[in-house]
Amino acid sequence: MQISLEELQKVARAYRAQQTGTTPLEPVPAPFVACEEADKQLAREIAQLLTQTPNVREERTTEASREPLPAKIIAASIMRRVIADKMSQ
């Protein structure tokens, strides 16, 4: 199952609607913008961490479903749901 672009846009609109009208309790600093090289370095570090992370839950996800699904599909579904839930809070 994937979240469509339309569903994500609805969640984003709902999230923005919740954010309007709230006054910060203290001054909000300007957003930090890293240089492109720093962004690339961070992306490389994250990719390296992800490749080093062992996939120890694949057996459990296969056992849990009647029709075995690839762990990548399950992980992607979980991450999409977490992002959508965070945006809708």
PDB file of N, CA and C in Angstrom:
ATOM      1  N   MET A   1       0.839  -1.175   0.000  1.00  0.00           N
ATOM      2  CA  MET A   1       0.000   0.000   0.000  1.00  0.00           C
ATOM      3  C   MET A   1       0.880   1.232   0.000  1.00  0.00           C
ATOM      4  N   GLN A   2       0.556   2.184  -0.844  1.00  0.00           N
ATOM      5  CA  GLN A   2       1.316   3.424  -0.898  1.00  0.00           C
ATOM      6  C   GLN A   2       0.366   4.586  -0.677  1.00  0.00           C
ATOM      7  N   ILE A   3       0.894   5.644  -0.120  1.00  0.00           N
ATOM      8  CA  ILE A   3       0.113   6.855   0.072  1.00  0.00           C
ATOM      9  C   ILE A   3       0.232   7.679  -1.204  1.00  0.00           C
ATOM     10  N   SER A   4      -0.896   8.063  -1.765  1.00  0.00           N
ATOM     11  CA  SER A   4      -0.878   8.811  -3.011  1.00  0.00           C
ATOM     12  C   SER A   4      -0.472  10.252  -2.745  1.00  0.00           C
ATOM     13  N   LEU A   5      -0.084  10.933  -3.812  1.00  0.00           N
ATOM     14  CA  LEU A   5       0.299  12.336  -3.706  1.00  0.00           C
ATOM     15  C   LEU A   5      -0.876  13.165  -3.194  1.00  0.00           C
ATOM     16  N   GLU A   6      -2.075  12.823  -3.633  1.00  0.00           N
ATOM     17  CA  GLU A   6      -3.270  13.546  -3.195  1.00  0.00           C
ATOM     18  C   GLU A   6      -3.475  13.400  -1.684  1.00  0.00           C
ATOM     19  N   GLU A   7      -3.289  12.190  -1.167  1.00  0.00           N
ATOM     20  CA  GLU A   7      -3.435  11.968   0.271  1.00  0.00           C
ATOM     21  C   GLU A   7      -2.383  12.748   1.048  1.00  0.00           C
ATOM     22  N   LEU A   8      -1.154  12.751   0.546  1.00  0.00           N
ATOM     23  CA  LEU A   8      -0.083  13.487   1.206  1.00  0.00           C
ATOM     24  C   LEU A   8      -0.369  14.982   1.197  1.00  0.00           C
ATOM     25  N   GLN A   9      -0.920  15.504   0.101  1.00  0.00           N
ATOM     26  CA  GLN A   9      -1.265  16.917   0.027  1.00  0.00           C
ATOM     27  C   GLN A   9      -2.366  17.258   1.027  1.00  0.00           C
ATOM     28  N   LYS A  10      -3.355  16.369   1.201  1.00  0.00           N
ATOM     29  CA  LYS A  10      -4.410  16.591   2.187  1.00  0.00           C
ATOM     30  C   LYS A  10      -3.832  16.664   3.593  1.00  0.00           C
ATOM     31  N   VAL A  11      -2.918  15.746   3.889  1.00  0.00           N
ATOM     32  CA  VAL A  11      -2.286  15.735   5.208  1.00  0.00           C
ATOM     33  C   VAL A  11      -1.478  17.010   5.412  1.00  0.00           C
ATOM     34  N   ALA A  12      -0.752  17.431   4.382  1.00  0.00           N
ATOM     35  CA  ALA A  12       0.056  18.651   4.486  1.00  0.00           C
ATOM     36  C   ALA A  12      -0.829  19.871   4.721  1.00  0.00           C
ATOM     37  N   ARG A  13      -1.964  19.946   4.020  1.00  0.00           N
ATOM     38  CA  ARG A  13      -2.888  21.072   4.222  1.00  0.00           C
ATOM     39  C   ARG A  13      -3.448  21.067   5.645  1.00  0.00           C
ATOM     40  N   ALA A  14      -3.797  19.886   6.135  1.00  0.00           N
ATOM     41  CA  ALA A  14      -4.327  19.787   7.500  1.00  0.00           C
ATOM     42  C   ALA A  14      -3.269  20.198   8.516  1.00  0.00           C
ATOM     43  N   TYR A  15      -2.040  19.776   8.276  1.00  0.00           N
ATOM     44  CA  TYR A  15      -0.944  20.136   9.183  1.00  0.00           C
ATOM     45  C   TYR A  15      -0.725  21.639   9.191  1.00  0.00           C
ATOM     46  N   ARG A  16      -0.706  22.257   7.994  1.00  0.00           N
ATOM     47  CA  ARG A  16      -0.519  23.712   7.910  1.00  0.00           C
ATOM     48  C   ARG A  16      -1.676  24.453   8.581  1.00  0.00           C
ATOM     49  N   ALA A  17      -2.885  23.933   8.443  1.00  0.00           N
ATOM     50  CA  ALA A  17      -4.048  24.580   9.061  1.00  0.00           C
ATOM     51  C   ALA A  17      -3.926  24.579  10.574  1.00  0.00           C
ATOM     52  N   GLN A  18      -3.372  23.524  11.131  1.00  0.00           N
ATOM     53  CA  GLN A  18      -3.172  23.470  12.581  1.00  0.00           C
ATOM     54  C   GLN A  18      -2.099  24.456  13.030  1.00  0.00           C
ATOM     55  N   GLN A  19      -1.135  24.719  12.166  1.00  0.00           N
ATOM     56  CA  GLN A  19      -0.006  25.561  12.533  1.00  0.00           C
ATOM     57  C   GLN A  19      -0.338  27.050  12.459  1.00  0.00           C
ATOM     58  N   THR A  20      -1.341  27.423  11.697  1.00  0.00           N
ATOM     59  CA  THR A  20      -1.667  28.840  11.569  1.00  0.00           C
ATOM     60  C   THR A  20      -2.345  29.329  12.836  1.00  0.00           C
ATOM     61  N   GLY A  21      -2.086  30.553  13.154  1.00  0.00           N
ATOM     62  CA  GLY A  21      -2.734  31.164  14.299  1.00  0.00           C
ATOM     63  C   GLY A  21      -2.032  30.922  15.623  1.00  0.00           C
ATOM     64  N   THR A  22      -1.007  30.127  15.653  1.00  0.00           N
ATOM     65  CA  THR A  22      -0.289  29.906  16.899  1.00  0.00           C
ATOM     66  C   THR A  22       0.891  30.858  16.963  1.00  0.00           C
ATOM     67  N   THR A  23       0.998  31.548  18.056  1.00  0.00           N
ATOM     68  CA  THR A  23       2.082  32.492  18.253  1.00  0.00           C
ATOM     69  C   THR A  23       3.201  31.804  19.018  1.00  0.00           C
ATOM     70  N   PRO A  24       4.440  31.889  18.504  1.00  0.00           N
ATOM     71  CA  PRO A  24       5.537  31.252  19.222  1.00  0.00           C
ATOM     72  C   PRO A  24       5.745  31.903  20.588  1.00  0.00           C
ATOM     73  N   LEU A  25       6.130  31.112  21.565  1.00  0.00           N
ATOM     74  CA  LEU A  25       6.352  31.616  22.910  1.00  0.00           C
ATOM     75  C   LEU A  25       7.656  32.390  23.021  1.00  0.00           C
ATOM     76  N   GLU A  26       8.559  32.150  22.098  1.00  0.00           N
ATOM     77  CA  GLU A  26       9.836  32.861  22.082  1.00  0.00           C
ATOM     78  C   GLU A  26      10.214  33.120  20.637  1.00  0.00           C
ATOM     79  N   PRO A  27      11.144  34.031  20.396  1.00  0.00           N
ATOM     80  CA  PRO A  27      11.518  34.325  19.009  1.00  0.00           C
ATOM     81  C   PRO A  27      12.014  33.069  18.286  1.00  0.00           C
ATOM     82  N   VAL A  28      11.596  32.931  17.065  1.00  0.00           N
ATOM     83  CA  VAL A  28      11.994  31.783  16.263  1.00  0.00           C
ATOM     84  C   VAL A  28      13.182  32.207  15.397  1.00  0.00           C
ATOM     85  N   PRO A  29      14.309  31.498  15.518  1.00  0.00           N
ATOM     86  CA  PRO A  29      15.471  31.877  14.706  1.00  0.00           C
ATOM     87  C   PRO A  29      15.246  31.542  13.240  1.00  0.00           C
ATOM     88  N   ALA A  30      15.999  32.216  12.408  1.00  0.00           N
ATOM     89  CA  ALA A  30      15.920  31.930  10.972  1.00  0.00           C
ATOM     90  C   ALA A  30      16.371  30.496  10.724  1.00  0.00           C
ATOM     91  N   PRO A  31      15.780  29.830   9.746  1.00  0.00           N
ATOM     92  CA  PRO A  31      16.164  28.436   9.494  1.00  0.00           C
ATOM     93  C   PRO A  31      17.625  28.340   9.066  1.00  0.00           C
ATOM     94  N   PHE A  32      18.261  27.260   9.516  1.00  0.00           N
ATOM     95  CA  PHE A  32      19.644  27.008   9.139  1.00  0.00           C
ATOM     96  C   PHE A  32      19.669  26.373   7.770  1.00  0.00           C
ATOM     97  N   VAL A  33      20.485  26.883   6.899  1.00  0.00           N
ATOM     98  CA  VAL A  33      20.619  26.317   5.565  1.00  0.00           C
ATOM     99  C   VAL A  33      22.072  25.874   5.405  1.00  0.00           C
ATOM    100  N   ALA A  34      22.253  24.577   5.296  1.00  0.00           N
ATOM    101  CA  ALA A  34      23.595  24.027   5.126  1.00  0.00           C
ATOM    102  C   ALA A  34      24.022  24.147   3.673  1.00  0.00           C
ATOM    103  N   CYS A  35      25.323  24.213   3.468  1.00  0.00           N
ATOM    104  CA  CYS A  35      25.813  24.270   2.099  1.00  0.00           C
ATOM    105  C   CYS A  35      25.574  22.919   1.418  1.00  0.00           C
ATOM    106  N   GLU A  36      25.606  22.933   0.115  1.00  0.00           N
ATOM    107  CA  GLU A  36      25.296  21.722  -0.645  1.00  0.00           C
ATOM    108  C   GLU A  36      26.263  20.588  -0.314  1.00  0.00           C
ATOM    109  N   GLU A  37      27.529  20.903  -0.106  1.00  0.00           N
ATOM    110  CA  GLU A  37      28.515  19.863   0.217  1.00  0.00           C
ATOM    111  C   GLU A  37      28.206  19.223   1.563  1.00  0.00           C
ATOM    112  N   ALA A  38      27.769  20.032   2.541  1.00  0.00           N
ATOM    113  CA  ALA A  38      27.400  19.477   3.850  1.00  0.00           C
ATOM    114  C   ALA A  38      26.196  18.555   3.720  1.00  0.00           C
ATOM    115  N   ASP A  39      25.226  18.940   2.871  1.00  0.00           N
ATOM    116  CA  ASP A  39      24.061  18.080   2.629  1.00  0.00           C
ATOM    117  C   ASP A  39      24.481  16.753   2.006  1.00  0.00           C
ATOM    118  N   LYS A  40      25.393  16.807   1.050  1.00  0.00           N
ATOM    119  CA  LYS A  40      25.856  15.586   0.395  1.00  0.00           C
ATOM    120  C   LYS A  40      26.599  14.693   1.387  1.00  0.00           C
ATOM    121  N   GLN A  41      27.423  15.310   2.241  1.00  0.00           N
ATOM    122  CA  GLN A  41      28.166  14.532   3.234  1.00  0.00           C
ATOM    123  C   GLN A  41      27.204  13.853   4.205  1.00  0.00           C
ATOM    124  N   LEU A  42      26.200  14.580   4.664  1.00  0.00           N
ATOM    125  CA  LEU A  42      25.214  13.996   5.570  1.00  0.00           C
ATOM    126  C   LEU A  42      24.472  12.846   4.897  1.00  0.00           C
ATOM    127  N   ALA A  43      24.097  13.018   3.634  1.00  0.00           N
ATOM    128  CA  ALA A  43      23.411  11.958   2.899  1.00  0.00           C
ATOM    129  C   ALA A  43      24.296  10.717   2.783  1.00  0.00           C
ATOM    130  N   ARG A  44      25.599  10.915   2.544  1.00  0.00           N
ATOM    131  CA  ARG A  44      26.519   9.771   2.471  1.00  0.00           C
ATOM    132  C   ARG A  44      26.612   9.060   3.812  1.00  0.00           C
ATOM    133  N   GLU A  45      26.681   9.828   4.913  1.00  0.00           N
ATOM    134  CA  GLU A  45      26.763   9.232   6.246  1.00  0.00           C
ATOM    135  C   GLU A  45      25.507   8.422   6.572  1.00  0.00           C
ATOM    136  N   ILE A  46      24.344   8.973   6.242  1.00  0.00           N
ATOM    137  CA  ILE A  46      23.083   8.266   6.494  1.00  0.00           C
ATOM    138  C   ILE A  46      23.023   6.995   5.658  1.00  0.00           C
ATOM    139  N   ALA A  47      23.418   7.079   4.390  1.00  0.00           N
ATOM    140  CA  ALA A  47      23.411   5.899   3.523  1.00  0.00           C
ATOM    141  C   ALA A  47      24.342   4.828   4.070  1.00  0.00           C
ATOM    142  N   GLN A  48      25.493   5.238   4.566  1.00  0.00           N
ATOM    143  CA  GLN A  48      26.441   4.276   5.122  1.00  0.00           C
ATOM    144  C   GLN A  48      25.857   3.607   6.367  1.00  0.00           C
ATOM    145  N   LEU A  49      25.219   4.400   7.237  1.00  0.00           N
ATOM    146  CA  LEU A  49      24.597   3.827   8.428  1.00  0.00           C
ATOM    147  C   LEU A  49      23.502   2.833   8.057  1.00  0.00           C
ATOM    148  N   LEU A  50      22.705   3.181   7.062  1.00  0.00           N
ATOM    149  CA  LEU A  50      21.618   2.295   6.658  1.00  0.00           C
ATOM    150  C   LEU A  50      22.143   0.991   6.070  1.00  0.00           C
ATOM    151  N   THR A  51      23.238   1.051   5.310  1.00  0.00           N
ATOM    152  CA  THR A  51      23.775  -0.183   4.741  1.00  0.00           C
ATOM    153  C   THR A  51      24.418  -1.056   5.808  1.00  0.00           C
ATOM    154  N   GLN A  52      24.869  -0.466   6.910  1.00  0.00           N
ATOM    155  CA  GLN A  52      25.491  -1.232   7.978  1.00  0.00           C
ATOM    156  C   GLN A  52      24.474  -1.797   8.966  1.00  0.00           C
ATOM    157  N   THR A  53      23.238  -1.318   8.916  1.00  0.00           N
ATOM    158  CA  THR A  53      22.212  -1.776   9.836  1.00  0.00           C
ATOM    159  C   THR A  53      21.751  -3.167   9.447  1.00  0.00           C
ATOM    160  N   PRO A  54      21.867  -4.125  10.354  1.00  0.00           N
ATOM    161  CA  PRO A  54      21.436  -5.486  10.003  1.00  0.00           C
ATOM    162  C   PRO A  54      19.919  -5.588   9.880  1.00  0.00           C
ATOM    163  N   ASN A  55      19.470  -6.440   8.999  1.00  0.00           N
ATOM    164  CA  ASN A  55      18.047  -6.658   8.790  1.00  0.00           C
ATOM    165  C   ASN A  55      17.627  -7.864   9.635  1.00  0.00           C
ATOM    166  N   VAL A  56      17.406  -7.632  10.922  1.00  0.00           N
ATOM    167  CA  VAL A  56      17.127  -8.738  11.835  1.00  0.00           C
ATOM    168  C   VAL A  56      15.643  -9.043  11.955  1.00  0.00           C
ATOM    169  N   ARG A  57      14.772  -8.220  11.382  1.00  0.00           N
ATOM    170  CA  ARG A  57      13.344  -8.402  11.567  1.00  0.00           C
ATOM    171  C   ARG A  57      12.671  -9.089  10.381  1.00  0.00           C
ATOM    172  N   GLU A  58      13.424  -9.416   9.355  1.00  0.00           N
ATOM    173  CA  GLU A  58      12.808 -10.004   8.163  1.00  0.00           C
ATOM    174  C   GLU A  58      12.088 -11.311   8.485  1.00  0.00           C
ATOM    175  N   GLU A  59      12.677 -12.138   9.354  1.00  0.00           N
ATOM    176  CA  GLU A  59      12.027 -13.396   9.699  1.00  0.00           C
ATOM    177  C   GLU A  59      10.690 -13.151  10.394  1.00  0.00           C
ATOM    178  N   ARG A  60      10.671 -12.162  11.276  1.00  0.00           N
ATOM    179  CA  ARG A  60       9.432 -11.895  12.022  1.00  0.00           C
ATOM    180  C   ARG A  60       8.344 -11.350  11.114  1.00  0.00           C
ATOM    181  N   THR A  61       8.710 -10.490  10.162  1.00  0.00           N
ATOM    182  CA  THR A  61       7.688  -9.950   9.264  1.00  0.00           C
ATOM    183  C   THR A  61       7.149 -11.034   8.349  1.00  0.00           C
ATOM    184  N   THR A  62       7.990 -11.960   7.936  1.00  0.00           N
ATOM    185  CA  THR A  62       7.542 -13.057   7.088  1.00  0.00           C
ATOM    186  C   THR A  62       6.620 -13.992   7.865  1.00  0.00           C
ATOM    187  N   GLU A  63       6.971 -14.263   9.132  1.00  0.00           N
ATOM    188  CA  GLU A  63       6.142 -15.132   9.960  1.00  0.00           C
ATOM    189  C   GLU A  63       4.793 -14.499  10.270  1.00  0.00           C
ATOM    190  N   ALA A  64       4.764 -13.188  10.412  1.00  0.00           N
ATOM    191  CA  ALA A  64       3.557 -12.491  10.852  1.00  0.00           C
ATOM    192  C   ALA A  64       2.479 -12.446   9.781  1.00  0.00           C
ATOM    193  N   SER A  65       2.836 -12.565   8.541  1.00  0.00           N
ATOM    194  CA  SER A  65       1.826 -12.461   7.492  1.00  0.00           C
ATOM    195  C   SER A  65       1.531 -13.835   6.889  1.00  0.00           C
ATOM    196  N   ARG A  66       0.312 -14.007   6.466  1.00  0.00           N
ATOM    197  CA  ARG A  66      -0.065 -15.273   5.834  1.00  0.00           C
ATOM    198  C   ARG A  66       0.542 -15.372   4.450  1.00  0.00           C
ATOM    199  N   GLU A  67       0.531 -14.247   3.760  1.00  0.00           N
ATOM    200  CA  GLU A  67       1.134 -14.191   2.435  1.00  0.00           C
ATOM    201  C   GLU A  67       2.424 -13.395   2.584  1.00  0.00           C
ATOM    202  N   PRO A  68       3.572 -14.032   2.517  1.00  0.00           N
ATOM    203  CA  PRO A  68       4.836 -13.335   2.785  1.00  0.00           C
ATOM    204  C   PRO A  68       5.032 -12.107   1.892  1.00  0.00           C
ATOM    205  N   LEU A  69       5.392 -11.012   2.518  1.00  0.00           N
ATOM    206  CA  LEU A  69       5.688  -9.769   1.814  1.00  0.00           C
ATOM    207  C   LEU A  69       7.163  -9.447   2.011  1.00  0.00           C
ATOM    208  N   PRO A  70       7.787  -8.832   1.030  1.00  0.00           N
ATOM    209  CA  PRO A  70       9.171  -8.430   1.214  1.00  0.00           C
ATOM    210  C   PRO A  70       9.283  -7.392   2.345  1.00  0.00           C
ATOM    211  N   ALA A  71      10.327  -7.510   3.113  1.00  0.00           N
ATOM    212  CA  ALA A  71      10.524  -6.600   4.247  1.00  0.00           C
ATOM    213  C   ALA A  71      10.596  -5.146   3.785  1.00  0.00           C
ATOM    214  N   LYS A  72      11.124  -4.911   2.587  1.00  0.00           N
ATOM    215  CA  LYS A  72      11.229  -3.535   2.085  1.00  0.00           C
ATOM    216  C   LYS A  72       9.846  -2.904   1.940  1.00  0.00           C
ATOM    217  N   ILE A  73       8.883  -3.666   1.476  1.00  0.00           N
ATOM    218  CA  ILE A  73       7.523  -3.147   1.295  1.00  0.00           C
ATOM    219  C   ILE A  73       6.903  -2.822   2.652  1.00  0.00           C
ATOM    220  N   ILE A  74       7.105  -3.704   3.603  1.00  0.00           N
ATOM    221  CA  ILE A  74       6.562  -3.478   4.949  1.00  0.00           C
ATOM    222  C   ILE A  74       7.212  -2.252   5.576  1.00  0.00           C
ATOM    223  N   ALA A  75       8.532  -2.143   5.484  1.00  0.00           N
ATOM    224  CA  ALA A  75       9.242  -0.997   6.061  1.00  0.00           C
ATOM    225  C   ALA A  75       8.799   0.310   5.413  1.00  0.00           C
ATOM    226  N   ALA A  76       8.640   0.309   4.095  1.00  0.00           N
ATOM    227  CA  ALA A  76       8.195   1.517   3.397  1.00  0.00           C
ATOM    228  C   ALA A  76       6.789   1.912   3.842  1.00  0.00           C
ATOM    229  N   SER A  77       5.915   0.943   4.022  1.00  0.00           N
ATOM    230  CA  SER A  77       4.547   1.224   4.480  1.00  0.00           C
ATOM    231  C   SER A  77       4.550   1.811   5.887  1.00  0.00           C
ATOM    232  N   ILE A  78       5.385   1.244   6.749  1.00  0.00           N
ATOM    233  CA  ILE A  78       5.469   1.756   8.120  1.00  0.00           C
ATOM    234  C   ILE A  78       5.964   3.195   8.117  1.00  0.00           C
ATOM    235  N   MET A  79       7.003   3.483   7.339  1.00  0.00           N
ATOM    236  CA  MET A  79       7.561   4.838   7.298  1.00  0.00           C
ATOM    237  C   MET A  79       6.552   5.834   6.731  1.00  0.00           C
ATOM    238  N   ARG A  80       5.825   5.445   5.674  1.00  0.00           N
ATOM    239  CA  ARG A  80       4.808   6.353   5.123  1.00  0.00           C
ATOM    240  C   ARG A  80       3.730   6.651   6.149  1.00  0.00           C
ATOM    241  N   ARG A  81       3.311   5.626   6.896  1.00  0.00           N
ATOM    242  CA  ARG A  81       2.272   5.812   7.901  1.00  0.00           C
ATOM    243  C   ARG A  81       2.766   6.720   9.018  1.00  0.00           C
ATOM    244  N   VAL A  82       4.021   6.532   9.464  1.00  0.00           N
ATOM    245  CA  VAL A  82       4.587   7.371  10.522  1.00  0.00           C
ATOM    246  C   VAL A  82       4.647   8.823  10.068  1.00  0.00           C
ATOM    247  N   ILE A  83       5.098   9.054   8.840  1.00  0.00           N
ATOM    248  CA  ILE A  83       5.176  10.430   8.319  1.00  0.00           C
ATOM    249  C   ILE A  83       3.791  11.050   8.231  1.00  0.00           C
ATOM    250  N   ALA A  84       2.823  10.298   7.716  1.00  0.00           N
ATOM    251  CA  ALA A  84       1.459  10.824   7.606  1.00  0.00           C
ATOM    252  C   ALA A  84       0.884  11.114   8.985  1.00  0.00           C
ATOM    253  N   ASP A  85       1.123  10.233   9.962  1.00  0.00           N
ATOM    254  CA  ASP A  85       0.619  10.463  11.314  1.00  0.00           C
ATOM    255  C   ASP A  85       1.251  11.700  11.934  1.00  0.00           C
ATOM    256  N   LYS A  86       2.554  11.879  11.740  1.00  0.00           N
ATOM    257  CA  LYS A  86       3.247  13.052  12.284  1.00  0.00           C
ATOM    258  C   LYS A  86       2.691  14.330  11.679  1.00  0.00           C
ATOM    259  N   MET A  87       2.437  14.302  10.372  1.00  0.00           N
ATOM    260  CA  MET A  87       1.957  15.506   9.690  1.00  0.00           C
ATOM    261  C   MET A  87       0.514  15.824  10.080  1.00  0.00           C
ATOM    262  N   SER A  88      -0.259  14.813  10.461  1.00  0.00           N
ATOM    263  CA  SER A  88      -1.665  15.061  10.775  1.00  0.00           C
ATOM    264  C   SER A  88      -1.881  15.424  12.242  1.00  0.00           C
ATOM    265  N   GLN A  89      -0.845  15.376  13.057  1.00  0.00           N
ATOM    266  CA  GLN A  89      -0.993  15.723  14.483  1.00  0.00           C
ATOM    267  C   GLN A  89      -1.054  17.202  14.682  1.00  0.00           C
TER     268      GLN A  89
END
